[in-house]
Every structure is written in structure tokens, then in C-alpha cells.
Amino acid sequence: MDEDLDRRRQLGAFVRARREATAPADVGIAAVGRRRTPGLRREELAPLAGIGITWLTWLEQGRATGVSDQVLEALARALRMSDAERHHLLVLAGRGLHQAAAPIDVRPENLEILDRLLPFPAALQTDGYEIVAANRTYRFLFSDLDAYEPDDRNCAFLMFTDPVWNAAIVDKEQVLPSVAARLRSRQAEHRGEPRWDRLIERLTETSAEFRRLWENYDVDDDRPQERRYVSPAAGPLTVAFQSLWLDPSRGTRIIVMTPSDDATRERLERFDRLHAAAPRWTARGDARHAAAG
């Protein structure tokens, strides 16, 4: 498919999804009469954004070209978009695209950080959730990462498709939608990158839950979250999940789980002592050379 046409269709689908998810009361419109959907009608959104109904229809159908910044901002305001949704709207319209990132490099200083964060689970990741390196607590927290094929070492893929990882998530109804929404937000910045295309393809083919969430067109940004897990080996854990961006322009980050309570801290310390004989970090085979260099 033509790349520009694909971009316009994604933009249109996102605008339509946000319109249908916005209740009339959210924008000060009284709902009158029977409605086929709970969201805004096109004839209600168009005047709020100061655009014509026909043009809005073309936009949602992927037929509109040359969408101006003023129209994008007007739609974002009219639909009460969050900062993450507004950013995603602009990216889909071709504003602020990232250049295709080169494969991540694992530097000795990155591994030093992973080491120093023990016994807290930490990993070096891309913004597409690829696990490139991990300290030993993270490696063994759910199941041994080294037992997975390199292409499967992706947090999003494992959370949606691996029974052990999926079962370890306590609040799936919050965590999984957030992961899917963050992936959709970032995917727009990586259109045409084979690694990203393959990830989304694998997830939609393998997980019905991911397909359902992906079609919601929800987007989200990165912010610290408290998460609860039940590790098969470490037990119940409540952690603050954080992303420490090393190079946002290339999507390089360290994710770390810090304990939210004393019980979690004690379990992580005991768990790390049990694995003290293992190497302090592990990395994908295609990243070890970069680390050694």
C-alpha cells in the first residue's frame, strides 16, 4: 500500500475512534433523541472544530490531503485529547516523525547501571519493548529469559502470549490496555520499520486480546506506574515501574521495578541471593558483541 495513503487512513481511523469515544456531555452538548453510538456525530464535531462536515468525512475516510496544523490543533481541542493523544494525532499527520532507529547498542556503562540496580529487576529495552539486556533479578523473575528465542524477548509479546508472563500480571485489565496503547502511540513514529511491523503482525496474529485492544485506537504515554505481580519464584510483588530514557531519539531506555513496600523489598533481596551464582547480567546474543566492544 502507498505509504502516504496508509498514513492518511491511520489518521482518519484515529480521529473517528476518538470522536466515537467522546460523549456529547464531555464537550457540553446535550444528548437529544436516540443515538446509534454513544459518541459524537460528525455534524456535532465539525462545528466544534470549525471545519466542514464533508471535509471531516473525507478526513475520517483517509481521503483528505494537506491537513493543516490549525485543523489538527482544532480537532485535538474539540475532542479534549490528552497530551499523548494530541502527540499521536500530530505524528499520524506526519509531524515530528522519528528517523528509523539503528539496532540498539549495549554499552559497558549500560550494563554497569543494570548491575548497580540489583536486587531490583532492571532491563535495557527499546521503545518497542524489546529486551536487549537484563540484570539477573529481571532475567529470572518470571521465567529464564535466556530460554526464549531472541525475537521472543519482548515484554509486550510475552505479556500477551506467554502463559507464565501473562499469569504473573495481577491487574491485567489495567496493564494490558496500557501496553497496547503505548505500542500504538510509538508505532506511528516507526512506520515502515520492519522490526515494528513484524511485532504488531505477530501480536495481532497470536493474541485475540491484543487485537481487541489494538482496534480501540487508544494511545498512552510513559509515566511511572505501580504494578502488582505474582512471580512464580519470588512471590507477590508490588513495584513502581519506571522508564529511564537514555536516548529518547533512538528509543533506548532502562526500565526498573523498585519496591513499593518492605515485603516486596525483602522478597527481591532474598530472590537475588538465591541466584547469586548466576552472571549479574545477560544480553541477547546479537548485543553481546557490542557490549564487549
Protein backbone atom coordinates (compact mmCIF):
# COMPACT_ATOMS: atom_id res chain seq x y z
CA MET A 1 0.00 0.00 0.00
CA ASP A 2 1.16 3.56 -0.75
CA GLU A 3 2.79 4.91 2.42
CA ASP A 4 1.01 8.29 2.25
CA LEU A 5 -2.37 6.60 1.75
CA ASP A 6 -1.70 4.27 4.68
CA ARG A 7 -0.79 7.25 6.87
CA ARG A 8 -3.98 9.12 5.88
CA ARG A 9 -6.10 6.05 6.64
CA GLN A 10 -4.49 5.63 10.06
CA LEU A 11 -5.07 9.31 10.79
CA GLY A 12 -8.70 9.05 9.75
CA ALA A 13 -9.28 5.89 11.79
CA PHE A 14 -7.78 7.55 14.87
CA VAL A 15 -9.93 10.70 14.53
CA ARG A 16 -13.05 8.58 14.07
CA ALA A 17 -12.18 6.39 17.07
CA ARG A 18 -11.67 9.46 19.28
CA ARG A 19 -14.92 11.03 18.03
CA GLU A 20 -16.89 7.88 18.79
CA ALA A 21 -15.27 7.65 22.23
CA THR A 22 -16.20 11.25 23.15
CA ALA A 23 -19.61 11.58 24.78
CA PRO A 24 -21.67 14.70 23.91
CA ALA A 25 -21.71 15.66 27.59
CA ASP A 26 -17.89 15.71 27.59
CA VAL A 27 -17.95 18.69 25.23
CA GLY A 28 -21.05 20.42 26.59
CA ILE A 29 -23.62 19.04 24.13
CA ALA A 30 -26.95 17.79 25.41
CA ALA A 31 -27.77 14.35 24.01
CA VAL A 32 -31.19 14.57 22.34
CA GLY A 33 -33.10 11.67 20.78
CA ARG A 34 -31.95 8.18 20.04
CA ARG A 35 -28.30 7.70 19.09
CA ARG A 36 -26.81 4.72 17.28
CA THR A 37 -23.50 5.23 19.08
CA PRO A 38 -22.70 6.96 22.40
CA GLY A 39 -20.08 9.22 20.85
CA LEU A 40 -20.21 12.47 18.91
CA ARG A 41 -21.75 12.63 15.46
CA ARG A 42 -19.77 14.20 12.66
CA GLU A 43 -22.26 17.07 12.44
CA GLU A 44 -21.56 17.78 16.13
CA LEU A 45 -17.78 17.62 15.93
CA ALA A 46 -17.40 19.64 12.73
CA PRO A 47 -18.66 22.99 14.15
CA LEU A 48 -16.75 22.44 17.39
CA ALA A 49 -13.52 22.16 15.36
CA GLY A 50 -14.53 24.85 12.86
CA ILE A 51 -14.39 22.54 9.83
CA GLY A 52 -16.95 21.33 7.29
CA ILE A 53 -18.81 18.05 7.69
CA THR A 54 -17.82 16.90 4.21
CA TRP A 55 -14.16 17.61 4.87
CA LEU A 56 -14.34 15.78 8.23
CA THR A 57 -15.88 12.80 6.41
CA TRP A 58 -13.02 12.81 3.90
CA LEU A 59 -10.51 13.03 6.74
CA GLU A 60 -12.00 10.02 8.53
CA GLN A 61 -12.08 8.07 5.26
CA GLY A 62 -8.41 8.80 4.58
CA ARG A 63 -9.20 10.96 1.56
CA ALA A 64 -8.13 14.34 2.95
CA THR A 65 -4.71 15.69 1.95
CA GLY A 66 -2.75 18.66 3.22
CA VAL A 67 -4.26 18.71 6.71
CA SER A 68 -3.06 21.93 8.34
CA ASP A 69 -1.64 22.36 11.82
CA GLN A 70 -4.59 24.61 12.66
CA VAL A 71 -7.10 21.86 11.83
CA LEU A 72 -5.14 19.28 13.82
CA GLU A 73 -5.00 21.53 16.85
CA ALA A 74 -8.70 22.36 16.50
CA LEU A 75 -9.60 18.66 16.42
CA ALA A 76 -7.39 17.98 19.43
CA ARG A 77 -9.10 20.76 21.40
CA ALA A 78 -12.62 19.83 20.29
CA LEU A 79 -12.12 16.18 21.24
CA ARG A 80 -10.46 17.08 24.56
CA MET A 81 -7.43 14.99 23.62
CA SER A 82 -4.82 14.19 26.23
CA ASP A 83 -1.20 15.16 25.59
CA ALA A 84 -0.47 11.59 24.43
CA GLU A 85 -3.46 11.59 22.05
CA ARG A 86 -2.56 15.01 20.63
CA HIS A 87 1.04 13.88 20.06
CA HIS A 88 -0.20 10.74 18.32
CA LEU A 89 -2.52 12.82 16.12
CA LEU A 90 0.38 15.03 15.02
CA VAL A 91 2.64 12.04 14.34
CA LEU A 92 0.00 10.38 12.20
CA ALA A 93 -0.27 13.61 10.24
CA GLY A 94 3.47 13.50 9.54
CA ARG A 95 4.67 15.96 12.15
CA GLY A 96 7.63 15.12 14.35
CA LEU A 97 8.42 11.66 12.97
CA HIS A 98 11.43 9.85 14.38
CA GLN A 99 14.06 8.70 11.95
CA ALA A 100 14.36 4.94 11.75
CA ALA A 101 16.44 3.86 14.72
CA ALA A 102 19.50 1.72 14.27
CA PRO A 103 19.65 -1.51 16.28
CA ILE A 104 20.32 -0.72 19.91
CA ASP A 105 23.91 -0.78 21.15
CA VAL A 106 24.69 -2.20 24.57
CA ARG A 107 27.42 -0.13 26.13
CA PRO A 108 29.52 -1.12 29.18
CA GLU A 109 28.06 1.83 31.08
CA ASN A 110 24.54 0.48 30.42
CA LEU A 111 25.50 -2.87 31.91
CA GLU A 112 27.06 -1.10 34.89
CA ILE A 113 23.69 0.54 35.62
CA LEU A 114 21.88 -2.81 35.40
CA ASP A 115 24.44 -4.30 37.77
CA ARG A 116 24.18 -1.45 40.27
CA LEU A 117 20.39 -1.68 40.35
CA LEU A 118 20.47 -5.24 41.77
CA PRO A 119 18.45 -6.60 43.52
CA PHE A 120 15.81 -4.50 41.76
CA PRO A 121 14.73 -6.01 38.40
CA ALA A 122 16.03 -3.87 35.53
CA ALA A 123 16.46 -4.26 31.79
CA LEU A 124 17.74 -2.38 28.78
CA GLN A 125 14.86 -2.03 26.31
CA THR A 126 13.90 -0.37 23.08
CA ASP A 127 10.75 1.73 22.88
CA GLY A 128 9.19 -1.30 21.17
CA TYR A 129 9.61 -3.36 24.38
CA GLU A 130 12.49 -5.46 23.01
CA ILE A 131 14.57 -6.76 25.93
CA VAL A 132 18.17 -6.31 24.86
CA ALA A 133 19.89 -6.90 28.22
CA ALA A 134 18.72 -7.57 31.78
CA ASN A 135 20.18 -7.97 35.23
CA ARG A 136 19.82 -11.36 36.86
CA THR A 137 16.80 -10.44 39.01
CA TYR A 138 14.87 -9.44 35.91
CA ARG A 139 16.17 -12.43 33.98
CA PHE A 140 14.70 -14.99 36.40
CA LEU A 141 11.71 -13.00 37.75
CA PHE A 142 9.03 -14.78 35.71
CA SER A 143 10.99 -17.40 33.78
CA ASP A 144 14.54 -17.60 32.48
CA LEU A 145 14.85 -15.06 29.66
CA ASP A 146 17.77 -16.97 28.18
CA ALA A 147 15.41 -19.87 27.46
CA TYR A 148 13.49 -17.75 24.92
CA GLU A 149 14.43 -17.16 21.30
CA PRO A 150 15.90 -13.66 20.84
CA ASP A 151 12.92 -12.47 18.76
CA ASP A 152 10.54 -13.51 21.55
CA ARG A 153 12.34 -11.47 24.21
CA ASN A 154 9.88 -8.63 24.06
CA CYS A 155 7.86 -7.59 27.11
CA ALA A 156 4.71 -6.80 25.16
CA PHE A 157 4.85 -10.05 23.21
CA LEU A 158 5.47 -12.11 26.35
CA MET A 159 2.76 -10.40 28.41
CA PHE A 160 0.14 -11.09 25.74
CA THR A 161 1.25 -14.53 24.53
CA ASP A 162 3.33 -16.33 27.16
CA PRO A 163 1.21 -18.14 29.80
CA VAL A 164 3.78 -17.65 32.59
CA TRP A 165 4.29 -13.93 31.99
CA ASN A 166 0.58 -13.33 31.49
CA ALA A 167 -0.36 -15.18 34.68
CA ALA A 168 2.13 -13.11 36.68
CA ILE A 169 0.23 -9.85 35.97
CA VAL A 170 -2.30 -9.18 38.73
CA ASP A 171 -4.18 -6.23 37.21
CA LYS A 172 -4.45 -7.34 33.59
CA GLU A 173 -7.43 -5.06 32.95
CA GLN A 174 -5.18 -2.03 33.54
CA VAL A 175 -1.75 -3.25 32.43
CA LEU A 176 -2.55 -4.87 29.09
CA PRO A 177 -4.61 -1.94 27.70
CA SER A 178 -1.81 0.42 28.76
CA VAL A 179 0.82 -1.67 26.96
CA ALA A 180 -1.27 -1.83 23.77
CA ALA A 181 -1.94 1.93 23.94
CA ARG A 182 1.76 2.74 24.36
CA LEU A 183 2.63 0.49 21.44
CA ARG A 184 0.08 2.21 19.20
CA SER A 185 1.41 5.62 20.22
CA ARG A 186 5.00 4.68 19.39
CA GLN A 187 4.23 2.63 16.29
CA ALA A 188 3.14 5.76 14.44
CA GLU A 189 6.68 7.12 14.83
CA HIS A 190 8.20 3.98 13.33
CA ARG A 191 6.09 3.42 10.24
CA GLY A 192 7.85 1.27 7.69
CA GLU A 193 10.40 -0.17 10.14
CA PRO A 194 10.43 -3.95 9.64
CA ARG A 195 11.01 -4.74 13.33
CA TRP A 196 7.93 -2.76 14.32
CA ASP A 197 5.77 -4.09 11.51
CA ARG A 198 6.70 -7.65 12.43
CA LEU A 199 5.99 -7.10 16.14
CA ILE A 200 2.48 -5.77 15.53
CA GLU A 201 1.85 -8.52 12.97
CA ARG A 202 2.92 -11.24 15.42
CA LEU A 203 0.83 -9.81 18.26
CA THR A 204 -2.32 -9.45 16.16
CA GLU A 205 -1.88 -12.96 14.78
CA THR A 206 -1.21 -14.58 18.17
CA SER A 207 -3.34 -12.71 20.72
CA ALA A 208 -7.09 -12.09 20.41
CA GLU A 209 -6.87 -9.78 23.44
CA PHE A 210 -4.23 -7.66 21.73
CA ARG A 211 -6.29 -7.48 18.52
CA ARG A 212 -9.29 -6.23 20.50
CA LEU A 213 -7.27 -3.58 22.33
CA TRP A 214 -5.38 -2.53 19.19
CA GLU A 215 -8.62 -1.76 17.39
CA ASN A 216 -9.65 0.65 20.17
CA TYR A 217 -7.04 3.14 18.85
CA ASP A 218 -6.19 4.17 22.41
CA VAL A 219 -2.81 5.83 22.97
CA ASP A 220 -0.83 6.48 26.13
CA ASP A 221 2.47 7.98 27.19
CA ASP A 222 5.18 6.77 29.55
CA ARG A 223 4.65 7.61 33.16
CA PRO A 224 5.62 5.76 36.36
CA GLN A 225 3.04 3.15 37.29
CA GLU A 226 2.52 0.94 40.29
CA ARG A 227 2.16 -2.66 39.22
CA ARG A 228 1.42 -5.87 41.04
CA TYR A 229 2.88 -9.21 40.01
CA VAL A 230 2.96 -12.73 41.37
CA SER A 231 6.34 -14.12 40.42
CA PRO A 232 6.40 -17.93 40.26
CA ALA A 233 9.65 -17.91 42.23
CA ALA A 234 9.73 -14.61 44.18
CA GLY A 235 6.06 -14.42 45.20
CA PRO A 236 3.73 -11.38 45.36
CA LEU A 237 5.40 -8.10 44.37
CA THR A 238 4.18 -4.51 44.33
CA VAL A 239 6.59 -2.27 42.42
CA ALA A 240 6.91 1.18 40.92
CA PHE A 241 7.53 0.58 37.21
CA GLN A 242 9.69 3.31 35.67
CA SER A 243 11.35 4.06 32.34
CA LEU A 244 14.70 5.85 32.50
CA TRP A 245 15.34 7.18 28.99
CA LEU A 246 18.98 7.00 27.92
CA ASP A 247 18.45 8.31 24.37
CA PRO A 248 14.78 9.07 23.61
CA SER A 249 15.55 9.91 19.97
CA ARG A 250 16.72 6.32 19.42
CA GLY A 251 14.24 4.69 21.79
CA THR A 252 16.88 3.50 24.27
CA ARG A 253 15.76 3.14 27.87
CA ILE A 254 16.35 1.27 31.09
CA ILE A 255 13.23 0.01 32.81
CA VAL A 256 13.40 -0.68 36.54
CA MET A 257 10.99 -2.06 39.13
CA THR A 258 11.54 -0.51 42.55
CA PRO A 259 9.72 -1.99 45.58
CA SER A 260 6.65 -0.14 46.82
CA ASP A 261 6.67 -1.82 50.23
CA ASP A 262 9.02 -3.55 52.65
CA ALA A 263 7.64 -7.01 51.88
CA THR A 264 8.46 -6.62 48.18
CA ARG A 265 11.93 -5.29 49.00
CA GLU A 266 12.64 -8.30 51.22
CA ARG A 267 11.35 -10.76 48.59
CA LEU A 268 13.53 -9.21 45.87
CA GLU A 269 16.60 -9.26 48.10
CA ARG A 270 16.01 -12.91 49.01
CA PHE A 271 15.29 -13.80 45.38
CA ASP A 272 18.55 -12.22 44.20
CA ARG A 273 20.54 -14.06 46.87
CA LEU A 274 19.11 -17.34 45.57
CA HIS A 275 20.57 -16.55 42.12
CA ALA A 276 23.88 -15.16 43.34
CA ALA A 277 25.82 -17.81 41.41
CA ALA A 278 24.38 -16.64 38.07
CA PRO A 279 26.02 -13.88 35.99
CA ARG A 280 24.95 -10.42 37.13
CA TRP A 281 23.52 -9.59 33.69
CA THR A 282 22.54 -11.25 30.45
CA ALA A 283 22.17 -9.89 26.91
CA ARG A 284 20.81 -11.05 23.59
CA GLY A 285 23.41 -12.84 21.52
CA ASP A 286 23.31 -10.14 18.84
CA ALA A 287 24.06 -7.49 21.50
CA ARG A 288 26.94 -9.14 23.34
CA HIS A 289 29.49 -8.16 20.68
CA ALA A 290 28.54 -4.52 21.01
CA ALA A 291 28.91 -4.75 24.78
CA ALA A 292 32.30 -6.37 24.52
CA GLY A 293 33.47 -3.73 22.08
